[in-house]
Amino acid sequence: MGSNTIDIRENVPLAALTTFGVGGPARYFVQVSSENEAVAALAFARERDLDHIALGGGSNVLISDEGFSGLVILNRIKGLTVEEADGNVLAHVGSGEDWQDFTDLCVARDWQGVECLAGIPGTVGASPIQNVGAYGQEVAQVISRVRCLNTDTGKAVTFDNETCAFRYRESIFNTGEAGKYLVLCVTFKLKRGGAPVLKYRELEAYLSGIPSPSLADVRDAVIAIRAGKGVLIRTGYESFKSAGSFFKNPIVTQAQFKHIESLVGGHAGPTNWAWPMPNGDVKISAAWLIQRSGFDRGYRKGAVGISPHHPLILINGAEASAREIVDFAAAMQQRILDRFGVLLKPEARLIGFSSSPFSALP
């Protein structure tokens, strides 16, 4: 089945398009490489009253064993144009561009702003949706605007940084307006010749022997640290079938934090596993909570397990099903809730599930 501008396919397997390597087929599937093709794909979905999702690198998703009953749009919209503005660089990047290729380009051209985000799998279009962040940087710090298609109308709309409503691992695109927009292009405001900002202790320690680290030094250090944790999906490095960090680091009130502190009896200082937020709340390491609840690195149950390098990475060890992964994650979530009163929320996007597969979530 198709149209004049796009090639619609039916019952296309999705597992191989994800880094987890699990999931059933898409009822309808199309790959788009331009705005016009994306408009046509959305029109196809509207005409048939189909749900739809956009898929990029497939690195932050868990697709159900039943697959997805609507239209899957594989985003391969490419392109890069550059403007100079007041000593800054405005890079307009197609949403289907590979994120690692973009960070490498920024480092090569001496554009500061995303060097700490090297090694994150996926495409540029996913970066504003998740407000991706790592090692002291978030894309919210450098995104100027995001051009999208309204999925209801097929019309283009542009959001500035403030309108994107960025928060920790959140934006309007994965909260209140989830599914309402398809990202076409992201504009980044980067500093030409800017010095890297080192705010993350692990990264500072790794670079302590270099007096004035360059952007390339920081990028390479981040790649090396990620590789050591087994979360780098890159040729030549050990990696696992995973969706990256499965859970978000929770943010709790001061009162909740004091309660958690009392439960652990002061065996770990706050700087090791918790970080104060500007509003007085405290962000807690989900990895620390997982380990404190008895789930160690390398723990396995059947075909699913925890990475031997990092507690936040759930891995598909041997042809696991999506249900097995969900059940494993739900057991972790429930034990941490029982132990600490903290509900870990998935960072991985759940696709094709009729409702939340986690009993502890609404």
Protein backbone atom coordinates (compact mmCIF):
# COMPACT_ATOMS: atom_id res chain seq x y z
CA MET A 1 0.00 0.00 0.00
CA GLY A 2 1.36 3.45 -0.74
CA SER A 3 0.72 6.94 -2.07
CA ASN A 4 2.25 9.30 -4.61
CA THR A 5 4.93 10.49 -2.20
CA ILE A 6 5.53 7.83 0.43
CA ASP A 7 5.85 4.07 0.60
CA ILE A 8 3.56 2.68 3.29
CA ARG A 9 4.42 -0.87 4.31
CA GLU A 10 2.40 -3.27 6.44
CA ASN A 11 3.28 -5.58 9.35
CA VAL A 12 6.93 -4.51 9.57
CA PRO A 13 9.01 -6.03 12.41
CA LEU A 14 10.29 -3.35 14.80
CA ALA A 15 12.66 -5.22 17.14
CA ALA A 16 15.70 -4.75 14.90
CA LEU A 17 15.05 -0.98 14.80
CA THR A 18 15.51 -0.68 18.57
CA THR A 19 18.58 -1.01 20.76
CA PHE A 20 16.63 -3.28 23.14
CA GLY A 21 16.01 -5.70 20.29
CA VAL A 22 12.47 -6.60 21.37
CA GLY A 23 8.93 -5.86 20.27
CA GLY A 24 6.31 -6.90 17.77
CA PRO A 25 5.48 -5.44 14.33
CA ALA A 26 4.06 -2.13 13.18
CA ARG A 27 0.64 -2.46 11.51
CA TYR A 28 1.76 0.30 9.13
CA PHE A 29 5.27 1.63 8.64
CA VAL A 30 6.88 4.40 6.61
CA GLN A 31 10.34 5.96 6.41
CA VAL A 32 10.40 9.72 5.80
CA SER A 33 13.33 11.85 4.70
CA SER A 34 11.72 15.26 4.21
CA GLU A 35 9.08 17.55 5.66
CA ASN A 36 6.74 16.85 2.74
CA GLU A 37 7.00 13.11 3.31
CA ALA A 38 6.29 13.60 7.02
CA VAL A 39 3.20 15.68 6.13
CA ALA A 40 2.00 12.89 3.84
CA ALA A 41 2.61 10.24 6.51
CA LEU A 42 0.57 12.16 9.07
CA ALA A 43 -2.19 12.66 6.52
CA PHE A 44 -2.27 8.89 5.96
CA ALA A 45 -2.70 8.35 9.71
CA ARG A 46 -5.43 10.99 10.01
CA GLU A 47 -7.40 9.67 7.04
CA ARG A 48 -7.53 6.22 8.63
CA ASP A 49 -7.86 7.43 12.23
CA LEU A 50 -4.63 5.67 13.19
CA ASP A 51 -2.46 6.28 16.20
CA HIS A 52 1.10 7.06 15.18
CA ILE A 53 4.56 7.28 16.68
CA ALA A 54 7.87 8.58 15.40
CA LEU A 55 10.94 6.40 15.74
CA GLY A 56 14.50 7.65 15.39
CA GLY A 57 17.43 5.62 16.67
CA GLY A 58 15.20 3.34 18.73
CA SER A 59 17.47 3.84 21.71
CA ASN A 60 15.05 4.92 24.40
CA VAL A 61 12.03 2.73 23.71
CA LEU A 62 10.46 -0.54 24.80
CA ILE A 63 7.95 -1.88 22.28
CA SER A 64 5.34 -4.38 23.43
CA ASP A 65 5.37 -7.96 22.18
CA GLU A 66 2.15 -7.22 20.30
CA GLY A 67 3.80 -4.36 18.46
CA PHE A 68 2.06 -1.14 17.48
CA SER A 69 -1.38 -1.14 15.86
CA GLY A 70 -1.03 2.24 14.14
CA LEU A 71 1.56 3.91 11.91
CA VAL A 72 5.26 3.98 12.81
CA ILE A 73 7.12 6.87 11.14
CA LEU A 74 10.86 6.20 10.91
CA ASN A 75 12.43 9.66 10.90
CA ARG A 76 15.39 10.06 8.54
CA ILE A 77 15.09 13.82 7.91
CA LYS A 78 18.66 15.06 7.43
CA GLY A 79 20.36 18.41 6.89
CA LEU A 80 22.55 21.05 8.54
CA THR A 81 22.66 24.81 7.98
CA VAL A 82 24.68 27.27 10.06
CA GLU A 83 24.33 30.95 10.96
CA GLU A 84 26.66 33.21 12.92
CA ALA A 85 25.01 35.44 15.52
CA ASP A 86 26.80 37.64 18.09
CA GLY A 87 29.75 35.30 18.48
CA ASN A 88 27.48 32.29 18.65
CA VAL A 89 26.71 29.61 16.11
CA LEU A 90 23.12 28.73 15.26
CA ALA A 91 23.11 25.19 13.92
CA HIS A 92 19.83 24.10 12.30
CA VAL A 93 19.92 20.30 12.34
CA GLY A 94 17.55 17.81 10.74
CA SER A 95 15.76 15.69 13.31
CA GLY A 96 16.84 12.43 11.67
CA GLU A 97 20.56 13.18 11.95
CA ASP A 98 22.57 10.87 14.20
CA TRP A 99 23.25 12.51 17.57
CA GLN A 100 26.81 11.25 17.88
CA ASP A 101 27.64 12.54 14.39
CA PHE A 102 26.35 15.95 15.45
CA THR A 103 28.36 16.06 18.69
CA ASP A 104 31.49 14.99 16.78
CA LEU A 105 30.88 17.76 14.25
CA CYS A 106 30.53 20.35 17.03
CA VAL A 107 33.80 19.28 18.60
CA ALA A 108 35.59 19.28 15.22
CA ARG A 109 34.34 22.82 14.49
CA ASP A 110 35.09 24.04 18.03
CA TRP A 111 31.43 24.70 18.88
CA GLN A 112 30.93 24.44 22.63
CA GLY A 113 27.69 23.25 24.20
CA VAL A 114 27.13 19.51 23.62
CA GLU A 115 30.52 17.91 24.25
CA CYS A 116 29.38 16.29 27.51
CA LEU A 117 26.46 14.70 25.65
CA ALA A 118 28.68 12.56 23.43
CA GLY A 119 27.88 8.88 23.25
CA ILE A 120 24.14 9.25 23.80
CA PRO A 121 22.50 6.99 21.22
CA GLY A 122 19.66 8.17 19.05
CA THR A 123 18.86 11.03 16.72
CA VAL A 124 18.80 14.81 17.03
CA GLY A 125 15.00 14.85 17.05
CA ALA A 126 14.87 12.93 20.31
CA SER A 127 17.07 15.43 22.14
CA PRO A 128 14.42 18.09 22.89
CA ILE A 129 11.73 15.51 23.58
CA GLN A 130 13.70 13.90 26.41
CA ASN A 131 15.75 17.00 27.25
CA VAL A 132 18.73 14.66 27.10
CA GLY A 133 21.42 15.37 29.62
CA ALA A 134 24.61 13.89 31.02
CA TYR A 135 27.78 14.87 32.88
CA GLY A 136 26.57 18.35 33.77
CA GLN A 137 24.95 19.36 30.47
CA GLU A 138 21.38 19.33 29.16
CA VAL A 139 20.26 20.20 25.65
CA ALA A 140 17.85 22.69 27.23
CA GLN A 141 20.92 24.87 27.83
CA VAL A 142 21.65 25.20 24.10
CA ILE A 143 18.39 24.63 22.21
CA SER A 144 17.17 27.87 20.66
CA ARG A 145 14.06 26.55 18.91
CA VAL A 146 12.37 23.40 17.66
CA ARG A 147 10.46 23.21 14.38
CA CYS A 148 7.68 20.60 14.36
CA LEU A 149 4.62 19.41 12.53
CA ASN A 150 1.34 19.54 14.39
CA THR A 151 0.16 15.95 14.00
CA ASP A 152 -3.53 16.97 14.02
CA THR A 153 -3.25 19.52 11.22
CA GLY A 154 0.01 18.71 9.43
CA LYS A 155 1.01 22.37 9.76
CA ALA A 156 4.50 23.46 10.80
CA VAL A 157 4.98 25.25 14.12
CA THR A 158 8.10 26.50 15.88
CA PHE A 159 8.69 26.49 19.63
CA ASP A 160 11.30 28.65 21.32
CA ASN A 161 13.27 27.42 24.31
CA GLU A 162 10.87 28.79 26.89
CA THR A 163 7.80 27.34 25.18
CA CYS A 164 9.40 23.89 25.18
CA ALA A 165 9.04 23.98 28.99
CA PHE A 166 12.20 22.00 29.62
CA ARG A 167 12.65 20.27 32.96
CA TYR A 168 14.73 17.33 34.10
CA ARG A 169 14.27 14.72 31.32
CA GLU A 170 11.05 16.43 30.30
CA SER A 171 9.57 18.86 27.81
CA ILE A 172 6.10 19.58 26.50
CA PHE A 173 6.81 16.92 23.86
CA ASN A 174 6.76 14.04 26.37
CA THR A 175 4.34 15.46 28.94
CA GLY A 176 1.25 17.60 28.27
CA GLU A 177 1.70 17.68 24.48
CA ALA A 178 3.03 14.14 24.05
CA GLY A 179 2.28 12.77 20.59
CA LYS A 180 0.96 16.09 19.28
CA TYR A 181 4.11 17.11 17.43
CA LEU A 182 6.63 15.50 15.10
CA VAL A 183 10.05 17.14 15.36
CA LEU A 184 11.50 18.29 12.01
CA CYS A 185 14.51 20.41 12.92
CA VAL A 186 16.31 21.53 16.07
CA THR A 187 18.26 24.80 16.27
CA PHE A 188 21.17 24.83 18.70
CA LYS A 189 22.86 28.01 19.95
CA LEU A 190 26.51 27.08 20.47
CA LYS A 191 29.56 29.10 21.44
CA ARG A 192 32.38 29.16 18.92
CA GLY A 193 35.70 28.62 20.70
CA GLY A 194 34.04 28.32 24.09
CA ALA A 195 35.76 26.45 26.89
CA PRO A 196 34.05 23.29 28.13
CA VAL A 197 32.12 23.66 31.37
CA LEU A 198 33.16 20.93 33.79
CA LYS A 199 30.60 20.55 36.58
CA TYR A 200 30.30 16.79 36.96
CA ARG A 201 32.62 15.27 39.56
CA GLU A 202 33.27 11.99 37.74
CA LEU A 203 34.24 13.86 34.59
CA GLU A 204 36.40 16.35 36.49
CA ALA A 205 38.25 13.48 38.15
CA TYR A 206 38.83 11.74 34.82
CA LEU A 207 40.34 14.93 33.35
CA SER A 208 42.25 16.00 36.45
CA GLY A 209 45.61 15.40 34.76
CA ILE A 210 44.86 17.84 31.92
CA PRO A 211 45.29 21.51 32.98
CA SER A 212 42.95 23.02 30.36
CA PRO A 213 40.86 20.30 28.72
CA SER A 214 39.69 20.95 25.17
CA LEU A 215 36.26 20.11 23.81
CA ALA A 216 37.81 17.01 22.25
CA ASP A 217 39.34 16.01 25.60
CA VAL A 218 35.93 16.26 27.26
CA ARG A 219 34.17 14.42 24.44
CA ASP A 220 36.75 11.61 24.53
CA ALA A 221 36.55 11.38 28.33
CA VAL A 222 32.76 11.08 28.21
CA ILE A 223 33.03 8.36 25.56
CA ALA A 224 35.56 6.48 27.70
CA ILE A 225 33.43 6.76 30.85
CA ARG A 226 30.34 5.57 28.97
CA ALA A 227 32.30 2.69 27.48
CA GLY A 228 33.41 1.66 30.96
CA LYS A 229 29.76 1.47 32.00
CA GLY A 230 28.81 -0.62 28.97
CA VAL A 231 26.29 1.98 27.74
CA LEU A 232 28.09 3.00 24.56
CA ILE A 233 26.44 1.67 21.41
CA ARG A 234 29.32 2.19 19.02
CA THR A 235 31.42 -0.01 16.76
CA GLY A 236 34.47 -1.34 18.57
CA TYR A 237 33.05 -1.05 22.09
CA GLU A 238 31.40 -3.63 24.34
CA SER A 239 27.68 -2.97 24.54
CA PHE A 240 24.46 -4.70 25.46
CA LYS A 241 20.92 -4.75 24.13
CA SER A 242 19.37 -2.06 26.30
CA ALA A 243 17.45 1.21 26.22
CA GLY A 244 20.12 3.06 28.17
CA SER A 245 19.09 4.23 31.62
CA PHE A 246 15.74 2.54 32.18
CA PHE A 247 14.64 4.72 35.14
CA LYS A 248 14.94 8.45 35.80
CA ASN A 249 16.74 9.78 38.85
CA PRO A 250 13.89 10.72 41.21
CA ILE A 251 13.51 14.18 42.70
CA VAL A 252 12.20 14.25 46.27
CA THR A 253 11.39 16.84 48.91
CA GLN A 254 13.77 17.64 51.76
CA ALA A 255 11.49 15.74 54.15
CA GLN A 256 11.56 12.65 51.93
CA PHE A 257 15.32 12.91 51.63
CA LYS A 258 15.75 13.09 55.41
CA HIS A 259 13.60 9.98 55.74
CA ILE A 260 15.71 8.10 53.19
CA GLU A 261 18.88 9.26 54.95
CA SER A 262 17.58 7.85 58.20
CA LEU A 263 16.92 4.50 56.55
CA VAL A 264 20.52 4.13 55.37
CA GLY A 265 21.97 5.27 58.67
CA GLY A 266 24.51 7.66 57.22
CA HIS A 267 26.52 4.97 55.46
CA ALA A 268 26.77 7.11 52.34
CA GLY A 269 27.39 10.84 52.32
CA PRO A 270 24.88 12.99 50.45
CA THR A 271 27.43 13.98 47.79
CA ASN A 272 27.73 10.33 46.78
CA TRP A 273 24.11 9.70 45.91
CA ALA A 274 22.06 12.89 46.20
CA TRP A 275 22.29 16.39 44.83
CA PRO A 276 20.45 19.51 46.06
CA MET A 277 18.24 21.32 43.54
CA PRO A 278 17.84 25.12 43.33
CA ASN A 279 14.24 24.94 44.65
CA GLY A 280 15.26 22.99 47.76
CA ASP A 281 14.31 19.53 46.49
CA VAL A 282 16.89 16.78 46.20
CA LYS A 283 17.72 14.62 43.20
CA ILE A 284 18.64 11.08 44.19
CA SER A 285 20.67 8.54 42.25
CA ALA A 286 18.29 5.86 40.98
CA ALA A 287 21.30 3.57 40.57
CA TRP A 288 22.11 3.98 44.26
CA LEU A 289 18.52 3.16 45.27
CA ILE A 290 18.56 0.10 43.02
CA GLN A 291 21.75 -1.23 44.57
CA ARG A 292 20.57 -0.44 48.11
CA SER A 293 17.47 -2.50 47.38
CA GLY A 294 19.49 -5.61 46.61
CA PHE A 295 19.78 -5.44 42.82
CA ASP A 296 23.48 -5.65 42.10
CA ARG A 297 25.35 -5.18 38.86
CA GLY A 298 25.15 -8.35 36.78
CA TYR A 299 21.99 -9.63 38.49
CA ARG A 300 19.98 -11.83 36.11
CA LYS A 301 16.56 -13.40 36.06
CA GLY A 302 16.02 -15.53 33.01
CA ALA A 303 16.68 -13.61 29.82
CA VAL A 304 16.70 -10.18 31.52
CA GLY A 305 19.32 -8.68 33.74
CA ILE A 306 21.23 -5.66 35.00
CA SER A 307 24.36 -4.58 33.20
CA PRO A 308 27.56 -5.74 34.92
CA HIS A 309 28.76 -2.14 34.60
CA HIS A 310 25.82 0.00 35.76
CA PRO A 311 22.67 -0.67 37.84
CA LEU A 312 20.43 1.61 35.76
CA ILE A 313 20.97 -0.38 32.57
CA LEU A 314 18.52 -3.23 32.07
CA ILE A 315 19.70 -5.62 29.39
CA ASN A 316 18.14 -8.12 27.05
CA GLY A 317 20.54 -10.96 27.66
CA ALA A 318 19.05 -13.78 25.63
CA GLU A 319 16.08 -13.06 23.36
CA ALA A 320 13.95 -11.61 26.14
CA SER A 321 10.34 -10.62 25.53
CA ALA A 322 9.02 -7.15 26.31
CA ARG A 323 6.84 -8.70 29.01
CA GLU A 324 9.87 -10.26 30.70
CA ILE A 325 11.63 -6.89 30.72
CA VAL A 326 8.56 -5.11 32.11
CA ASP A 327 8.10 -7.72 34.84
CA PHE A 328 11.76 -7.45 35.82
CA ALA A 329 11.60 -3.64 35.94
CA ALA A 330 8.32 -3.69 37.87
CA ALA A 331 9.85 -5.95 40.54
CA MET A 332 12.71 -3.49 40.96
CA GLN A 333 10.31 -0.57 41.09
CA GLN A 334 8.10 -2.19 43.72
CA ARG A 335 10.97 -3.17 46.00
CA ILE A 336 12.41 0.36 45.93
CA LEU A 337 8.95 1.78 46.66
CA ASP A 338 8.55 -0.59 49.61
CA ARG A 339 12.05 0.08 50.92
CA PHE A 340 12.36 3.84 50.47
CA GLY A 341 8.91 5.16 49.56
CA VAL A 342 10.30 6.40 46.24
CA LEU A 343 8.56 5.57 42.97
CA LEU A 344 11.05 5.22 40.12
CA LYS A 345 9.57 6.32 36.80
CA PRO A 346 10.71 4.80 33.51
CA GLU A 347 12.88 6.94 31.29
CA ALA A 348 12.39 4.49 28.43
CA ARG A 349 9.34 5.26 26.29
CA LEU A 350 6.74 2.47 26.38
CA ILE A 351 5.14 1.77 22.99
CA GLY A 352 2.20 -0.49 22.16
CA PHE A 353 1.02 -1.06 25.73
CA SER A 354 -2.70 -0.42 26.24
CA SER A 355 -2.03 0.96 29.73
CA SER A 356 0.91 1.31 32.05
CA PRO A 357 2.51 -2.14 32.42
CA PHE A 358 3.80 -1.14 35.86
CA SER A 359 1.43 -1.85 38.72
CA ALA A 360 2.88 0.94 40.84
CA LEU A 361 2.20 3.60 38.22
CA PRO A 362 -1.22 5.12 37.46
